[in-house]
Amino acid sequence: MELFDLGSLSEHDQLVTELTRRAGAIGQFYRAMVDGGLPEDLARKIVLEWARASLRASELPPCGCDCEVCRGEV
C-alpha cells in the first residue's frame, strides 16, 4: 500500500489554481492587445516576456544575482 503526503496535494492544488489564474490574466492581456490593433506576433512576444516574468520565483531578484543588496538585506 502506498502512502501519500496530503500536504503535497494541497500545495499542488494551490499551485495549479495560481497557474490557472495567471494563465487567464495572460490570455486577457494578449486578447486586449490584439483587439486594440497590435500585430499578433508583437503581442505574442510581449505576452511571452510578461508570462516569464510573472512565473519567476519571487525570491529571485530581477537582476538574477544573489547579493545582499538585491535580496534586501542591506
Protein backbone atom coordinates (compact mmCIF):
# COMPACT_ATOMS: atom_id res chain seq x y z
CA MET A 1 0.00 0.00 0.00
CA GLU A 2 1.39 3.40 -0.98
CA LEU A 3 1.12 6.37 1.35
CA PHE A 4 0.71 9.89 0.06
CA ASP A 5 1.56 13.13 1.80
CA LEU A 6 -1.72 15.04 1.84
CA GLY A 7 0.17 18.29 2.39
CA SER A 8 1.80 17.91 -1.01
CA LEU A 9 -1.63 17.50 -2.62
CA SER A 10 -2.76 20.75 -1.04
CA GLU A 11 0.39 22.53 -2.27
CA HIS A 12 -0.17 21.06 -5.74
CA ASP A 13 -3.78 22.27 -5.80
CA GLN A 14 -2.68 25.75 -4.74
CA LEU A 15 -0.02 25.81 -7.45
CA VAL A 16 -2.48 24.66 -10.11
CA THR A 17 -5.01 27.28 -9.00
CA GLU A 18 -2.41 30.06 -9.13
CA LEU A 19 -1.04 29.00 -12.54
CA THR A 20 -4.59 28.78 -13.91
CA ARG A 21 -5.33 32.28 -12.61
CA ARG A 22 -2.15 33.64 -14.18
CA ALA A 23 -2.88 31.90 -17.49
CA GLY A 24 -6.29 33.58 -17.59
CA ALA A 25 -4.77 37.00 -16.89
CA ILE A 26 -2.11 36.46 -19.55
CA GLY A 27 -4.76 35.39 -22.07
CA GLN A 28 -6.83 38.50 -21.36
CA PHE A 29 -3.75 40.69 -21.70
CA TYR A 30 -2.95 39.14 -25.10
CA ARG A 31 -6.53 39.45 -26.35
CA ALA A 32 -6.73 43.10 -25.28
CA MET A 33 -3.56 43.94 -27.20
CA VAL A 34 -4.67 42.12 -30.36
CA ASP A 35 -8.17 43.59 -30.17
CA GLY A 36 -6.53 47.00 -29.75
CA GLY A 37 -4.79 46.61 -33.10
CA LEU A 38 -1.33 45.38 -32.10
CA PRO A 39 0.08 42.83 -34.57
CA GLU A 40 -0.28 39.28 -33.25
CA ASP A 41 3.44 38.47 -33.46
CA LEU A 42 4.36 41.54 -31.40
CA ALA A 43 1.59 40.85 -28.88
CA ARG A 44 2.82 37.26 -28.61
CA LYS A 45 6.38 38.42 -27.85
CA ILE A 46 5.18 40.89 -25.22
CA VAL A 47 2.95 38.30 -23.56
CA LEU A 48 5.73 35.71 -23.57
CA GLU A 49 8.08 38.06 -21.73
CA TRP A 50 5.32 39.11 -19.32
CA ALA A 51 4.50 35.45 -18.61
CA ARG A 52 8.14 34.61 -17.99
CA ALA A 53 8.44 37.49 -15.56
CA SER A 54 5.27 36.52 -13.70
CA LEU A 55 6.42 32.92 -13.29
CA ARG A 56 9.88 33.83 -12.00
CA ALA A 57 10.41 32.72 -8.44
CA SER A 58 9.59 35.57 -6.09
CA GLU A 59 12.72 35.02 -4.03
CA LEU A 60 14.99 35.67 -7.01
CA PRO A 61 15.86 39.31 -7.60
CA PRO A 62 15.01 40.68 -11.08
CA CYS A 63 18.70 41.08 -11.94
CA GLY A 64 19.39 37.39 -11.27
CA CYS A 65 22.22 37.93 -8.80
CA ASP A 66 22.22 36.85 -5.18
CA CYS A 67 23.90 39.77 -3.42
CA GLU A 68 22.75 41.20 -0.08
CA VAL A 69 21.53 44.42 -1.70
CA CYS A 70 19.26 42.68 -4.22
CA ARG A 71 17.91 40.36 -1.52
CA GLY A 72 17.01 43.44 0.52
CA GLU A 73 19.28 42.55 3.42
CA VAL A 74 21.28 45.81 3.36
